[in-house]
């Protein structure tokens, strides 16, 4: 493929520190234009990107630019749907930060539009490309722990992710801009990993959320229990933790995987002979390794290359409405159902899947 010509809409932290840094390292992509409503951010883009053209909004960018192949959407979530529709209408492929939209209906409409426009819609589900997550995937593919029966994903943050100083630093705490709190901001990452590791979609969710700081109208702690035919999965997300950390566990028929940031432990059952039936007559063989994954780098720039490679592959294969896009849509459905559950006293909400 010749180099893809792209434009970025929304030049905040993730665009500057994550996406752009990866683009500048590649020979197969050119960023020709940037749109941002903040003049200071547009000037920064001009300093960082050779010969870039800047615009105060995405509509003027799309009207002026005629040679683009794709649009990279890095704005707050409330604008994702309208920008993506405009890009698809112009015949552009769309790379979009999570969450794909802020409502299930919006997500469904986007998938339908991508299919009709025959252009790729691809979400930035970058946790899938973290080295330690890929190590988990390899263990699961090997069959060492057998069928996964339950998954627990704990994501701890000591604060909400802050926006750039030049524009609404705390926009993630304003529902009209963000669409929700930590569940909307971070839930997709936990949920698409759970889909991968549980081998499908859940059929019901029960959730609870809290807000410790009453200055904001979004939740800062969120817990969800997901029901699958073969077991349960749990996701806990917090902006009020004492440390930035991820702790994941996967329980299988023949063993378990535990991840604490870069540290991965694999426990494998070893059947033994003897009278100790009460203990299941097994011992565990423990294997430990460190898989450096740059968890402390909030830009996750080192994961972006593999993600963009997949985006290019979808374009080459003409996978307009790909598996990742469908997962992104289901993530939004699940987040919406979890909000309903939490607001209705932790009622179990059906997701219509089996």
Protein backbone atom coordinates (compact mmCIF):
# COMPACT_ATOMS: atom_id res chain seq x y z
CA UNK A 1 0.00 0.00 0.00
CA UNK A 2 1.13 3.58 -0.59
CA UNK A 3 1.33 5.68 2.58
CA UNK A 4 -2.08 6.38 4.05
CA UNK A 5 -2.94 10.07 4.21
CA UNK A 6 -4.71 11.00 7.40
CA UNK A 7 -5.98 13.84 9.54
CA UNK A 8 -6.43 14.06 13.30
CA UNK A 9 -9.52 15.63 14.86
CA UNK A 10 -8.96 16.61 18.47
CA UNK A 11 -5.33 17.38 19.30
CA UNK A 12 -5.30 16.64 23.02
CA UNK A 13 -3.07 14.43 25.13
CA UNK A 14 -3.69 11.08 23.41
CA UNK A 15 -3.36 12.59 19.93
CA UNK A 16 -0.13 14.43 20.73
CA UNK A 17 1.60 11.92 22.99
CA UNK A 18 0.15 8.68 21.66
CA UNK A 19 -1.05 8.61 18.07
CA UNK A 20 1.18 11.33 16.60
CA UNK A 21 4.40 10.01 18.10
CA UNK A 22 3.73 6.66 16.46
CA UNK A 23 2.80 8.23 13.13
CA UNK A 24 6.04 10.24 13.08
CA UNK A 25 8.01 7.00 13.43
CA UNK A 26 6.31 5.32 10.48
CA UNK A 27 6.92 5.50 6.72
CA UNK A 28 3.47 4.20 5.76
CA UNK A 29 1.35 7.10 6.99
CA UNK A 30 1.29 10.89 6.56
CA UNK A 31 -0.68 13.29 8.74
CA UNK A 32 -1.72 16.16 6.49
CA UNK A 33 -4.17 18.05 8.68
CA UNK A 34 -5.34 18.61 12.26
CA UNK A 35 -8.58 20.11 13.56
CA UNK A 36 -8.98 21.42 17.09
CA UNK A 37 -11.14 24.13 18.60
CA UNK A 38 -8.31 25.41 20.77
CA UNK A 39 -5.91 27.85 19.09
CA UNK A 40 -3.01 26.88 21.38
CA UNK A 41 -3.37 23.23 20.39
CA UNK A 42 -3.49 24.11 16.70
CA UNK A 43 -0.26 26.08 17.05
CA UNK A 44 1.34 23.14 18.81
CA UNK A 45 0.31 20.84 15.96
CA UNK A 46 1.93 23.23 13.49
CA UNK A 47 5.18 23.06 15.46
CA UNK A 48 5.17 19.27 15.76
CA UNK A 49 4.02 18.15 12.30
CA UNK A 50 5.92 19.20 9.19
CA UNK A 51 3.75 21.16 6.71
CA UNK A 52 0.51 20.29 8.51
CA UNK A 53 -2.64 22.27 7.77
CA UNK A 54 -4.79 23.20 10.77
CA UNK A 55 -8.49 23.96 11.12
CA UNK A 56 -10.72 25.14 13.98
CA UNK A 57 -13.24 22.32 13.44
CA UNK A 58 -13.70 19.03 11.60
CA UNK A 59 -16.29 20.38 9.14
CA UNK A 60 -13.89 22.92 7.68
CA UNK A 61 -11.16 20.29 7.57
CA UNK A 62 -13.36 17.84 5.65
CA UNK A 63 -14.49 20.59 3.28
CA UNK A 64 -10.94 21.72 2.48
CA UNK A 65 -9.04 18.44 2.39
CA UNK A 66 -9.63 16.33 -0.74
CA UNK A 67 -6.79 13.78 -0.64
CA UNK A 68 -7.34 12.08 2.72
CA UNK A 69 -7.69 8.34 3.21
CA UNK A 70 -8.70 8.30 6.88
CA UNK A 71 -9.72 10.39 9.86
CA UNK A 72 -8.32 9.74 13.34
CA UNK A 73 -10.88 10.87 15.93
CA UNK A 74 -9.35 11.85 19.28
CA UNK A 75 -11.99 14.22 20.61
CA UNK A 76 -14.03 13.69 23.78
CA UNK A 77 -16.65 10.93 23.29
CA UNK A 78 -19.71 13.17 22.91
CA UNK A 79 -18.48 14.20 19.44
CA UNK A 80 -17.33 10.80 18.15
CA UNK A 81 -20.56 9.85 16.37
CA UNK A 82 -21.13 13.08 14.43
CA UNK A 83 -17.48 13.30 13.32
CA UNK A 84 -17.37 9.65 12.27
CA UNK A 85 -20.59 10.00 10.24
CA UNK A 86 -19.18 13.08 8.49
CA UNK A 87 -15.96 11.25 7.66
CA UNK A 88 -17.80 8.20 6.31
CA UNK A 89 -20.00 10.51 4.24
CA UNK A 90 -16.80 11.92 2.70
CA UNK A 91 -15.60 8.42 1.85
CA UNK A 92 -12.93 8.23 4.55
CA UNK A 93 -11.94 5.31 6.74
CA UNK A 94 -12.34 6.04 10.45
CA UNK A 95 -9.99 5.29 13.34
CA UNK A 96 -11.74 6.28 16.56
CA UNK A 97 -10.68 6.51 20.18
CA UNK A 98 -12.77 4.63 22.73
CA UNK A 99 -15.57 4.64 23.53
CA UNK A 100 -16.81 4.46 19.96
CA UNK A 101 -19.91 6.47 20.90
CA UNK A 102 -21.79 7.33 24.09
CA UNK A 103 -24.97 5.38 23.28
CA UNK A 104 -25.83 1.99 21.83
CA UNK A 105 -28.13 3.53 19.22
CA UNK A 106 -25.33 5.80 17.99
CA UNK A 107 -22.94 2.85 17.75
CA UNK A 108 -25.43 0.76 15.78
CA UNK A 109 -25.99 3.64 13.36
CA UNK A 110 -22.24 4.05 12.82
CA UNK A 111 -21.75 0.36 12.02
CA UNK A 112 -24.61 0.51 9.52
CA UNK A 113 -23.15 3.65 7.90
CA UNK A 114 -19.68 2.07 7.61
CA UNK A 115 -21.18 -0.91 5.81
CA UNK A 116 -23.15 1.27 3.42
CA UNK A 117 -20.18 3.59 2.77
CA UNK A 118 -17.81 0.62 2.39
CA UNK A 119 -15.24 2.26 4.60
CA UNK A 120 -13.48 0.79 7.63
CA UNK A 121 -14.63 1.78 11.09
CA UNK A 122 -11.99 0.76 13.63
CA UNK A 123 -11.86 1.47 17.39
CA UNK A 124 -8.67 2.16 19.34
CA UNK A 125 -8.87 -0.92 21.55
CA UNK A 126 -5.18 -0.68 22.36
CA UNK A 127 -4.99 -2.78 25.53
CA UNK A 128 -5.24 -5.82 23.28
CA UNK A 129 -1.72 -4.98 22.06
CA UNK A 130 -0.04 -4.66 25.46
CA UNK A 131 2.78 -7.24 25.56
CA UNK A 132 1.54 -8.85 28.78
CA UNK A 133 -1.97 -9.18 27.30
CA UNK A 134 -0.50 -10.84 24.23
CA UNK A 135 1.40 -13.18 26.54
CA UNK A 136 -1.91 -14.15 28.16
CA UNK A 137 -3.39 -14.80 24.73
CA UNK A 138 -0.52 -17.13 23.85
CA UNK A 139 -1.00 -19.14 27.04
CA UNK A 140 -4.73 -19.48 26.36
CA UNK A 141 -4.07 -20.59 22.77
CA UNK A 142 -1.68 -23.26 24.07
CA UNK A 143 -4.51 -24.81 26.07
CA UNK A 144 -2.38 -25.02 29.21
CA UNK A 145 -5.09 -23.82 31.61
CA UNK A 146 -7.98 -25.31 29.66
CA UNK A 147 -11.31 -23.56 29.24
CA UNK A 148 -11.55 -20.24 31.08
CA UNK A 149 -14.27 -20.29 33.74
CA UNK A 150 -13.92 -16.84 35.26
CA UNK A 151 -12.03 -13.59 34.71
CA UNK A 152 -11.43 -10.69 37.09
CA UNK A 153 -10.03 -7.39 35.84
CA UNK A 154 -9.12 -4.71 38.38
CA UNK A 155 -7.97 -1.34 37.05
CA UNK A 156 -6.74 1.16 39.63
CA UNK A 157 -6.09 4.83 38.97
CA UNK A 158 -5.40 7.53 41.59
CA UNK A 159 -7.25 10.17 39.52
CA UNK A 160 -9.25 10.60 36.38
CA UNK A 161 -7.17 11.07 33.25
CA UNK A 162 -6.55 14.80 32.94
CA UNK A 163 -6.99 16.68 29.71
CA UNK A 164 -4.50 19.21 28.38
CA UNK A 165 -4.03 22.43 30.32
CA UNK A 166 -5.14 24.62 27.39
CA UNK A 167 -8.69 23.17 27.29
CA UNK A 168 -11.07 21.76 29.95
CA UNK A 169 -8.57 19.72 31.96
CA UNK A 170 -11.37 17.89 33.81
CA UNK A 171 -13.67 17.18 30.86
CA UNK A 172 -13.91 13.50 31.80
CA UNK A 173 -15.90 14.54 34.88
CA UNK A 174 -18.58 16.36 32.81
CA UNK A 175 -21.19 13.93 31.55
CA UNK A 176 -22.33 16.14 28.67
CA UNK A 177 -18.80 15.92 27.23
CA UNK A 178 -17.64 12.48 28.35
CA UNK A 179 -20.91 10.55 28.29
CA UNK A 180 -20.11 9.10 31.71
CA UNK A 181 -17.39 8.49 34.25
CA UNK A 182 -14.80 5.76 34.55
CA UNK A 183 -17.12 3.11 33.07
CA UNK A 184 -17.55 5.13 29.89
CA UNK A 185 -13.90 6.19 29.82
CA UNK A 186 -12.25 2.88 30.63
CA UNK A 187 -14.92 0.19 30.58
CA UNK A 188 -14.35 -0.73 26.94
CA UNK A 189 -10.78 -1.85 27.70
CA UNK A 190 -11.92 -4.27 30.39
CA UNK A 191 -14.92 -5.51 28.46
CA UNK A 192 -13.28 -6.35 25.12
CA UNK A 193 -10.53 -8.25 26.96
CA UNK A 194 -13.22 -10.16 28.86
CA UNK A 195 -14.97 -10.98 25.56
CA UNK A 196 -11.69 -12.38 24.22
CA UNK A 197 -10.88 -14.44 27.28
CA UNK A 198 -14.39 -15.73 27.98
CA UNK A 199 -14.86 -16.58 24.31
CA UNK A 200 -17.96 -14.50 23.60
CA UNK A 201 -20.43 -11.97 24.92
CA UNK A 202 -22.21 -12.00 28.30
CA UNK A 203 -25.97 -12.44 28.53
CA UNK A 204 -26.54 -10.27 31.64
CA UNK A 205 -24.84 -7.64 33.81
CA UNK A 206 -25.18 -6.43 37.38
CA UNK A 207 -23.34 -3.24 38.35
CA UNK A 208 -22.72 -0.71 41.10
CA UNK A 209 -21.05 2.70 40.99
CA UNK A 210 -20.18 5.54 43.35
CA UNK A 211 -19.06 9.16 43.16
CA UNK A 212 -16.89 10.41 46.01
CA UNK A 213 -16.50 13.99 44.77
CA UNK A 214 -19.91 15.69 44.55
CA UNK A 215 -18.50 18.46 42.34
CA UNK A 216 -18.86 16.08 39.41
CA UNK A 217 -21.80 14.30 37.78
CA UNK A 218 -19.86 11.18 36.73
CA UNK A 219 -18.91 8.06 38.68
CA UNK A 220 -15.34 7.51 39.88
CA UNK A 221 -15.66 3.87 40.98
CA UNK A 222 -17.51 1.14 39.10
CA UNK A 223 -17.93 -2.61 39.53
CA UNK A 224 -19.74 -4.99 37.18
CA UNK A 225 -20.46 -8.71 37.26
CA UNK A 226 -21.02 -10.28 33.83
CA UNK A 227 -22.86 -13.58 33.37
CA UNK A 228 -21.66 -15.99 30.67
CA UNK A 229 -22.94 -19.49 29.86
CA UNK A 230 -19.70 -21.02 31.15
CA UNK A 231 -19.02 -18.76 34.13
CA UNK A 232 -18.65 -15.23 35.46
CA UNK A 233 -16.44 -12.23 34.79
CA UNK A 234 -15.87 -9.21 37.01
CA UNK A 235 -14.57 -5.74 36.24
CA UNK A 236 -13.62 -3.16 38.85
CA UNK A 237 -12.54 0.34 37.83
CA UNK A 238 -11.48 3.15 40.13
CA UNK A 239 -10.27 6.72 39.87
CA UNK A 240 -9.87 6.89 43.66
CA UNK A 241 -7.19 4.25 44.23
CA UNK A 242 -3.90 4.80 46.02
CA UNK A 243 -1.83 3.50 43.11
CA UNK A 244 -1.92 3.20 39.31
CA UNK A 245 -2.07 -0.54 38.61
CA UNK A 246 -3.81 -3.36 36.76
CA UNK A 247 -4.41 -6.76 38.35
CA UNK A 248 -5.96 -9.44 36.14
CA UNK A 249 -6.82 -13.07 36.96
CA UNK A 250 -8.04 -15.81 34.66
CA UNK A 251 -9.23 -19.09 36.19
CA UNK A 252 -9.22 -22.15 33.94
CA UNK A 253 -10.02 -25.84 34.20
CA UNK A 254 -6.36 -26.81 34.62
CA UNK A 255 -4.75 -23.69 36.03
CA UNK A 256 -4.79 -19.93 36.34
CA UNK A 257 -3.06 -16.77 35.14
CA UNK A 258 -2.43 -13.79 37.41
CA UNK A 259 -1.09 -10.48 36.12
CA UNK A 260 0.14 -7.64 38.31
CA UNK A 261 1.21 -4.94 35.82
CA UNK A 262 4.27 -6.50 34.13
CA UNK A 263 4.46 -9.59 36.35
CA UNK A 264 2.73 -12.68 35.04
CA UNK A 265 2.27 -15.87 37.07
CA UNK A 266 1.04 -19.11 35.53
CA UNK A 267 -0.23 -21.81 37.90
CA UNK A 268 -0.70 -25.27 36.38
CA UNK A 269 -2.38 -28.15 38.16
CA UNK A 270 -0.31 -31.30 38.65
CA UNK A 271 -2.36 -34.35 39.57
CA UNK A 272 -0.90 -36.45 42.38
CA UNK A 273 -1.66 -39.81 43.86
CA UNK A 274 -2.46 -40.15 47.53
CA UNK A 275 -5.12 -40.15 50.19
CA UNK A 276 -5.50 -36.36 50.42
CA UNK A 277 -8.81 -36.28 48.55
CA UNK A 278 -10.04 -33.26 50.55
CA UNK A 279 -7.47 -31.07 48.83
CA UNK A 280 -8.33 -32.34 45.37
CA UNK A 281 -5.18 -34.48 45.21
CA UNK A 282 -3.31 -31.85 43.18
CA UNK A 283 -0.32 -29.58 43.49
CA UNK A 284 0.48 -26.53 41.39
CA UNK A 285 3.47 -25.85 39.22
CA UNK A 286 4.20 -22.11 39.28
CA UNK A 287 5.84 -20.30 36.38
CA UNK A 288 6.68 -16.60 36.67
CA UNK A 289 7.89 -14.07 34.15
CA UNK A 290 8.16 -10.33 33.64
CA UNK A 291 6.67 -8.94 30.42
CA UNK A 292 7.54 -5.25 30.13
CA UNK A 293 4.43 -3.42 28.94
CA UNK A 294 4.84 0.29 29.81
CA UNK A 295 1.68 0.40 31.92
CA UNK A 296 2.75 3.65 33.55
CA UNK A 297 2.89 5.45 30.20
CA UNK A 298 -0.67 6.77 29.77
CA UNK A 299 -0.05 7.53 26.08
CA UNK A 300 0.46 3.80 25.33
CA UNK A 301 2.38 4.87 22.25
CA UNK A 302 4.32 1.60 22.18
CA UNK A 303 1.06 -0.31 21.63
CA UNK A 304 -0.21 1.93 18.84
CA UNK A 305 1.92 0.48 16.06
CA UNK A 306 0.29 -2.96 16.26
CA UNK A 307 -3.13 -1.33 16.43
CA UNK A 308 -2.47 0.78 13.33
CA UNK A 309 -1.14 -2.30 11.51
CA UNK A 310 -4.52 -3.93 12.15
CA UNK A 311 -6.34 -0.84 10.88
CA UNK A 312 -4.34 -1.02 7.66
CA UNK A 313 -5.08 -4.73 7.37
CA UNK A 314 -8.82 -4.11 7.67
CA UNK A 315 -8.56 -1.57 4.84
CA UNK A 316 -6.63 -3.98 2.65
CA UNK A 317 -9.14 -6.78 3.35
CA UNK A 318 -12.14 -4.47 2.90
CA UNK A 319 -13.45 -5.39 6.35
CA UNK A 320 -15.71 -2.39 6.72
CA UNK A 321 -17.67 -3.62 9.75
CA UNK A 322 -15.02 -5.76 11.39
CA UNK A 323 -15.02 -7.80 14.59
CA UNK A 324 -13.42 -4.95 16.53
CA UNK A 325 -16.15 -2.53 15.45
CA UNK A 326 -18.86 -4.98 16.49
CA UNK A 327 -17.13 -5.46 19.86
CA UNK A 328 -16.98 -1.68 20.31
CA UNK A 329 -20.73 -1.51 19.70
CA UNK A 330 -21.38 -4.25 22.25
CA UNK A 331 -19.11 -2.49 24.76
CA UNK A 332 -21.39 0.55 24.54
CA UNK A 333 -24.48 -1.62 24.93
CA UNK A 334 -22.91 -3.22 27.99
CA UNK A 335 -21.89 0.11 29.55
CA UNK A 336 -25.41 1.44 29.06
CA UNK A 337 -26.94 -1.67 30.61
CA UNK A 338 -24.50 -1.46 33.54
CA UNK A 339 -25.53 2.14 34.17
CA UNK A 340 -29.18 1.05 34.21
CA UNK A 341 -28.33 -1.72 36.67
CA UNK A 342 -26.46 0.61 39.00
CA UNK A 343 -29.21 3.23 38.91
CA UNK A 344 -31.87 0.62 39.69
CA UNK A 345 -30.34 -0.88 42.82
CA UNK A 346 -27.98 -3.34 41.11
CA UNK A 347 -30.80 -5.05 39.19
CA UNK A 348 -29.61 -7.71 36.75
CA UNK A 349 -30.05 -6.40 33.20
CA UNK A 350 -30.34 -8.78 30.27
CA UNK A 351 -28.17 -8.13 27.22
CA UNK A 352 -30.06 -10.38 24.84
CA UNK A 353 -27.02 -12.59 24.16
CA UNK A 354 -26.39 -16.26 24.80
